[in-house]
Amino acid sequence: MSSGRPRKIADLLSELMARRGYAREQSSADLEQAWQQAAGELIAQHSRVGLIRQGRLEVTVTHSALVQELTFQKAAILAEMRKRLPHEQISDLRFRVGPTE
């Protein structure tokens, strides 16, 4: 910007956050917290949220029995995730077995 006029602090902060990826980190923390609350502490201990792709949240879990349990609870967990993160527009959950750490 070469106009010589002062810039708004909000614009500068937004630009800095975008450059440094702070917004993405905050979004990941919000997603993790929402998952822990929606899925419950026990399930959250044995799972890890991943990326949201085309409205589908990918969740990695430690074993196949947990995938089966999550499949039974999927509708309730999905509703809770939508309530907690309406701006993410999560339309589905995908569970897979893999390392969670």
C-alpha atoms as a PDB file:
ATOM      1  CA  MET A   1       0.000   0.000   0.000  1.00  0.00           C
ATOM      2  CA  SER A   2       1.682   3.177  -1.123  1.00  0.00           C
ATOM      3  CA  SER A   3      -0.996   5.796  -0.421  1.00  0.00           C
ATOM      4  CA  GLY A   4       0.804   6.951   2.715  1.00  0.00           C
ATOM      5  CA  ARG A   5      -2.419   6.783   4.695  1.00  0.00           C
ATOM      6  CA  PRO A   6      -2.547   4.852   7.963  1.00  0.00           C
ATOM      7  CA  ARG A   7      -4.101   1.409   7.797  1.00  0.00           C
ATOM      8  CA  LYS A   8      -6.729   0.106  10.170  1.00  0.00           C
ATOM      9  CA  ILE A   9      -5.338  -2.150  12.899  1.00  0.00           C
ATOM     10  CA  ALA A  10      -8.036  -4.743  12.126  1.00  0.00           C
ATOM     11  CA  ASP A  11      -6.813  -4.962   8.519  1.00  0.00           C
ATOM     12  CA  LEU A  12      -3.214  -5.362   9.646  1.00  0.00           C
ATOM     13  CA  LEU A  13      -4.118  -8.091  12.148  1.00  0.00           C
ATOM     14  CA  SER A  14      -6.182  -9.980   9.562  1.00  0.00           C
ATOM     15  CA  GLU A  15      -3.295  -9.863   7.107  1.00  0.00           C
ATOM     16  CA  LEU A  16      -0.804 -11.004   9.744  1.00  0.00           C
ATOM     17  CA  MET A  17      -3.030 -13.888  10.837  1.00  0.00           C
ATOM     18  CA  ALA A  18      -3.487 -15.010   7.246  1.00  0.00           C
ATOM     19  CA  ARG A  19       0.249 -14.877   6.554  1.00  0.00           C
ATOM     20  CA  ARG A  20       1.218 -16.779   9.687  1.00  0.00           C
ATOM     21  CA  GLY A  21      -1.599 -19.339   9.644  1.00  0.00           C
ATOM     22  CA  TYR A  22      -2.966 -18.354  13.059  1.00  0.00           C
ATOM     23  CA  ALA A  23      -6.561 -18.588  11.878  1.00  0.00           C
ATOM     24  CA  ARG A  24      -5.995 -22.165  10.684  1.00  0.00           C
ATOM     25  CA  GLU A  25      -4.438 -23.113  14.027  1.00  0.00           C
ATOM     26  CA  GLN A  26      -7.371 -21.601  15.919  1.00  0.00           C
ATOM     27  CA  SER A  27      -9.797 -23.397  13.629  1.00  0.00           C
ATOM     28  CA  SER A  28      -8.022 -26.716  14.319  1.00  0.00           C
ATOM     29  CA  ALA A  29      -8.198 -26.106  18.058  1.00  0.00           C
ATOM     30  CA  ASP A  30     -11.908 -25.271  17.798  1.00  0.00           C
ATOM     31  CA  LEU A  31     -12.508 -28.433  15.769  1.00  0.00           C
ATOM     32  CA  GLU A  32     -10.638 -30.591  18.287  1.00  0.00           C
ATOM     33  CA  GLN A  33     -12.541 -29.080  21.212  1.00  0.00           C
ATOM     34  CA  ALA A  34     -15.905 -29.521  19.470  1.00  0.00           C
ATOM     35  CA  TRP A  35     -15.036 -33.168  18.714  1.00  0.00           C
ATOM     36  CA  GLN A  36     -14.130 -33.869  22.339  1.00  0.00           C
ATOM     37  CA  GLN A  37     -17.417 -32.412  23.529  1.00  0.00           C
ATOM     38  CA  ALA A  38     -19.556 -34.061  20.837  1.00  0.00           C
ATOM     39  CA  ALA A  39     -17.972 -37.519  20.970  1.00  0.00           C
ATOM     40  CA  GLY A  40     -17.305 -37.649  24.683  1.00  0.00           C
ATOM     41  CA  GLU A  41     -14.088 -37.941  26.630  1.00  0.00           C
ATOM     42  CA  LEU A  42     -13.566 -41.697  26.213  1.00  0.00           C
ATOM     43  CA  ILE A  43     -13.986 -41.676  22.437  1.00  0.00           C
ATOM     44  CA  ALA A  44     -11.926 -38.494  22.127  1.00  0.00           C
ATOM     45  CA  GLN A  45      -9.035 -40.221  23.910  1.00  0.00           C
ATOM     46  CA  HIS A  46      -8.972 -42.899  21.199  1.00  0.00           C
ATOM     47  CA  SER A  47      -9.543 -40.705  18.172  1.00  0.00           C
ATOM     48  CA  ARG A  48      -8.192 -37.694  16.303  1.00  0.00           C
ATOM     49  CA  VAL A  49     -10.030 -35.286  14.041  1.00  0.00           C
ATOM     50  CA  GLY A  50      -8.517 -34.574  10.674  1.00  0.00           C
ATOM     51  CA  LEU A  51      -9.474 -32.312   7.820  1.00  0.00           C
ATOM     52  CA  ILE A  52     -12.849 -31.257   6.546  1.00  0.00           C
ATOM     53  CA  ARG A  53     -13.047 -32.025   2.836  1.00  0.00           C
ATOM     54  CA  GLN A  54     -16.171 -31.193   0.852  1.00  0.00           C
ATOM     55  CA  GLY A  55     -18.147 -31.001   4.080  1.00  0.00           C
ATOM     56  CA  ARG A  56     -16.919 -34.363   5.381  1.00  0.00           C
ATOM     57  CA  LEU A  57     -14.947 -34.444   8.637  1.00  0.00           C
ATOM     58  CA  GLU A  58     -12.367 -37.208   8.674  1.00  0.00           C
ATOM     59  CA  VAL A  59     -11.814 -38.895  12.043  1.00  0.00           C
ATOM     60  CA  THR A  60      -9.063 -41.427  12.748  1.00  0.00           C
ATOM     61  CA  VAL A  61      -9.707 -43.950  15.514  1.00  0.00           C
ATOM     62  CA  THR A  62      -7.500 -46.529  17.215  1.00  0.00           C
ATOM     63  CA  HIS A  63      -9.430 -49.719  16.366  1.00  0.00           C
ATOM     64  CA  SER A  64     -12.280 -51.087  14.274  1.00  0.00           C
ATOM     65  CA  ALA A  65     -14.607 -51.711  17.226  1.00  0.00           C
ATOM     66  CA  LEU A  66     -14.591 -47.987  17.844  1.00  0.00           C
ATOM     67  CA  VAL A  67     -15.472 -47.323  14.190  1.00  0.00           C
ATOM     68  CA  GLN A  68     -18.517 -49.550  14.671  1.00  0.00           C
ATOM     69  CA  GLU A  69     -19.547 -47.724  17.850  1.00  0.00           C
ATOM     70  CA  LEU A  70     -19.114 -44.341  16.172  1.00  0.00           C
ATOM     71  CA  THR A  71     -21.214 -45.504  13.241  1.00  0.00           C
ATOM     72  CA  PHE A  72     -24.092 -46.154  15.671  1.00  0.00           C
ATOM     73  CA  GLN A  73     -23.652 -42.704  17.231  1.00  0.00           C
ATOM     74  CA  LYS A  74     -22.919 -40.886  13.973  1.00  0.00           C
ATOM     75  CA  ALA A  75     -26.202 -38.973  13.642  1.00  0.00           C
ATOM     76  CA  ALA A  76     -26.056 -37.610  17.194  1.00  0.00           C
ATOM     77  CA  ILE A  77     -22.371 -36.670  16.964  1.00  0.00           C
ATOM     78  CA  LEU A  78     -22.886 -35.027  13.579  1.00  0.00           C
ATOM     79  CA  ALA A  79     -25.797 -32.971  14.934  1.00  0.00           C
ATOM     80  CA  GLU A  80     -23.664 -31.844  17.885  1.00  0.00           C
ATOM     81  CA  MET A  81     -20.723 -30.927  15.643  1.00  0.00           C
ATOM     82  CA  ARG A  82     -23.024 -28.868  13.409  1.00  0.00           C
ATOM     83  CA  LYS A  83     -24.392 -27.089  16.463  1.00  0.00           C
ATOM     84  CA  ARG A  84     -20.947 -26.310  17.849  1.00  0.00           C
ATOM     85  CA  LEU A  85     -19.327 -25.357  14.511  1.00  0.00           C
ATOM     86  CA  PRO A  86     -22.064 -24.023  12.212  1.00  0.00           C
ATOM     87  CA  HIS A  87     -19.558 -22.055  10.106  1.00  0.00           C
ATOM     88  CA  GLU A  88     -17.696 -25.262   9.139  1.00  0.00           C
ATOM     89  CA  GLN A  89     -20.766 -26.686   7.355  1.00  0.00           C
ATOM     90  CA  ILE A  90     -20.001 -30.306   8.268  1.00  0.00           C
ATOM     91  CA  SER A  91     -22.371 -32.581   6.371  1.00  0.00           C
ATOM     92  CA  ASP A  92     -20.865 -36.011   7.101  1.00  0.00           C
ATOM     93  CA  LEU A  93     -18.358 -37.884   9.249  1.00  0.00           C
ATOM     94  CA  ARG A  94     -15.879 -40.424   7.898  1.00  0.00           C
ATOM     95  CA  PHE A  95     -14.202 -42.833  10.310  1.00  0.00           C
ATOM     96  CA  ARG A  96     -11.039 -44.780   9.607  1.00  0.00           C
ATOM     97  CA  VAL A  97      -8.627 -46.854  11.657  1.00  0.00           C
ATOM     98  CA  GLY A  98      -5.099 -45.558  12.077  1.00  0.00           C
ATOM     99  CA  PRO A  99      -2.605 -43.969  14.446  1.00  0.00           C
ATOM    100  CA  THR A 100      -4.016 -41.150  16.551  1.00  0.00           C
ATOM    101  CA  GLU A 101      -0.778 -39.648  17.841  1.00  0.00           C
END
